[in-house]
Amino acid sequence: MTDLSEGQLNEGKAAYIQAQKKRNLYIGLALFGFVVLVFFISMARMSQGIKNDAKRAAEARASISASK
């Protein structure tokens, strides 16, 4: 059985922590990207709904004034 020295253990631990930090960074960036994507999709869908509501309101006003 191989005896690992304390220096080798510290190197392994440091490499593990470095890899964990890199992984966490990528997960954070992916999460941020997802939030930005959801935000822009939501804004596009809401603006589409606002335009449709305005169009329906204008049509309703026109039909009311035409029926008078």
C-alpha atoms as a PDB file:
ATOM      1  CA  MET A   1       0.000   0.000   0.000  1.00  0.00           C
ATOM      2  CA  THR A   2       1.324   3.427  -0.905  1.00  0.00           C
ATOM      3  CA  ASP A   3       1.839   5.934   1.857  1.00  0.00           C
ATOM      4  CA  LEU A   4       0.670   9.410   0.831  1.00  0.00           C
ATOM      5  CA  SER A   5       2.578  12.290   2.304  1.00  0.00           C
ATOM      6  CA  GLU A   6       0.854  15.305   3.785  1.00  0.00           C
ATOM      7  CA  GLY A   7       2.031  17.437   0.841  1.00  0.00           C
ATOM      8  CA  GLN A   8       0.369  15.119  -1.652  1.00  0.00           C
ATOM      9  CA  LEU A   9      -2.865  15.192   0.341  1.00  0.00           C
ATOM     10  CA  ASN A  10      -2.800  18.997   0.434  1.00  0.00           C
ATOM     11  CA  GLU A  11      -2.202  19.105  -3.336  1.00  0.00           C
ATOM     12  CA  GLY A  12      -5.144  16.807  -3.921  1.00  0.00           C
ATOM     13  CA  LYS A  13      -7.362  18.832  -1.659  1.00  0.00           C
ATOM     14  CA  ALA A  14      -6.304  22.082  -3.359  1.00  0.00           C
ATOM     15  CA  ALA A  15      -7.016  20.590  -6.786  1.00  0.00           C
ATOM     16  CA  TYR A  16     -10.432  19.406  -5.597  1.00  0.00           C
ATOM     17  CA  ILE A  17     -11.306  22.842  -4.218  1.00  0.00           C
ATOM     18  CA  GLN A  18     -10.117  24.524  -7.436  1.00  0.00           C
ATOM     19  CA  ALA A  19     -12.269  22.188  -9.546  1.00  0.00           C
ATOM     20  CA  GLN A  20     -15.237  22.792  -7.225  1.00  0.00           C
ATOM     21  CA  LYS A  21     -14.873  26.573  -7.571  1.00  0.00           C
ATOM     22  CA  LYS A  22     -14.743  26.267 -11.357  1.00  0.00           C
ATOM     23  CA  ARG A  23     -17.834  24.038 -11.356  1.00  0.00           C
ATOM     24  CA  ASN A  24     -19.688  26.495  -9.107  1.00  0.00           C
ATOM     25  CA  LEU A  25     -18.778  29.359 -11.433  1.00  0.00           C
ATOM     26  CA  TYR A  26     -20.164  27.514 -14.462  1.00  0.00           C
ATOM     27  CA  ILE A  27     -23.347  26.583 -12.597  1.00  0.00           C
ATOM     28  CA  GLY A  28     -23.778  30.216 -11.532  1.00  0.00           C
ATOM     29  CA  LEU A  29     -23.259  31.471 -15.088  1.00  0.00           C
ATOM     30  CA  ALA A  30     -25.737  28.928 -16.440  1.00  0.00           C
ATOM     31  CA  LEU A  31     -28.298  29.947 -13.821  1.00  0.00           C
ATOM     32  CA  PHE A  32     -27.783  33.631 -14.625  1.00  0.00           C
ATOM     33  CA  GLY A  33     -28.194  32.908 -18.339  1.00  0.00           C
ATOM     34  CA  PHE A  34     -31.417  31.014 -17.657  1.00  0.00           C
ATOM     35  CA  VAL A  35     -32.809  33.898 -15.584  1.00  0.00           C
ATOM     36  CA  VAL A  36     -31.961  36.399 -18.345  1.00  0.00           C
ATOM     37  CA  LEU A  37     -33.593  34.143 -20.950  1.00  0.00           C
ATOM     38  CA  VAL A  38     -36.776  33.800 -18.894  1.00  0.00           C
ATOM     39  CA  PHE A  39     -36.837  37.579 -18.336  1.00  0.00           C
ATOM     40  CA  PHE A  40     -36.630  38.421 -22.038  1.00  0.00           C
ATOM     41  CA  ILE A  41     -39.167  35.773 -23.028  1.00  0.00           C
ATOM     42  CA  SER A  42     -41.546  37.113 -20.363  1.00  0.00           C
ATOM     43  CA  MET A  43     -41.097  40.698 -21.576  1.00  0.00           C
ATOM     44  CA  ALA A  44     -41.767  39.668 -25.178  1.00  0.00           C
ATOM     45  CA  ARG A  45     -44.900  37.736 -24.225  1.00  0.00           C
ATOM     46  CA  MET A  46     -46.217  40.572 -22.033  1.00  0.00           C
ATOM     47  CA  SER A  47     -45.647  43.203 -24.720  1.00  0.00           C
ATOM     48  CA  GLN A  48     -47.465  40.956 -27.176  1.00  0.00           C
ATOM     49  CA  GLY A  49     -50.393  40.726 -24.750  1.00  0.00           C
ATOM     50  CA  ILE A  50     -50.452  44.495 -24.222  1.00  0.00           C
ATOM     51  CA  LYS A  51     -50.621  45.060 -27.985  1.00  0.00           C
ATOM     52  CA  ASN A  52     -53.461  42.547 -28.319  1.00  0.00           C
ATOM     53  CA  ASP A  53     -55.369  44.162 -25.424  1.00  0.00           C
ATOM     54  CA  ALA A  54     -54.980  47.613 -26.976  1.00  0.00           C
ATOM     55  CA  LYS A  55     -56.204  46.297 -30.319  1.00  0.00           C
ATOM     56  CA  ARG A  56     -59.248  44.644 -28.714  1.00  0.00           C
ATOM     57  CA  ALA A  57     -60.050  47.805 -26.753  1.00  0.00           C
ATOM     58  CA  ALA A  58     -59.865  49.916 -29.929  1.00  0.00           C
ATOM     59  CA  GLU A  59     -62.132  47.467 -31.738  1.00  0.00           C
ATOM     60  CA  ALA A  60     -64.601  47.543 -28.839  1.00  0.00           C
ATOM     61  CA  ARG A  61     -64.655  51.366 -28.843  1.00  0.00           C
ATOM     62  CA  ALA A  62     -65.144  51.398 -32.606  1.00  0.00           C
ATOM     63  CA  SER A  63     -68.028  48.925 -32.449  1.00  0.00           C
ATOM     64  CA  ILE A  64     -69.688  50.889 -29.630  1.00  0.00           C
ATOM     65  CA  SER A  65     -69.405  54.190 -31.505  1.00  0.00           C
ATOM     66  CA  ALA A  66     -70.603  52.540 -34.758  1.00  0.00           C
ATOM     67  CA  SER A  67     -73.698  51.147 -33.051  1.00  0.00           C
ATOM     68  CA  LYS A  68     -74.792  54.572 -31.757  1.00  0.00           C
END
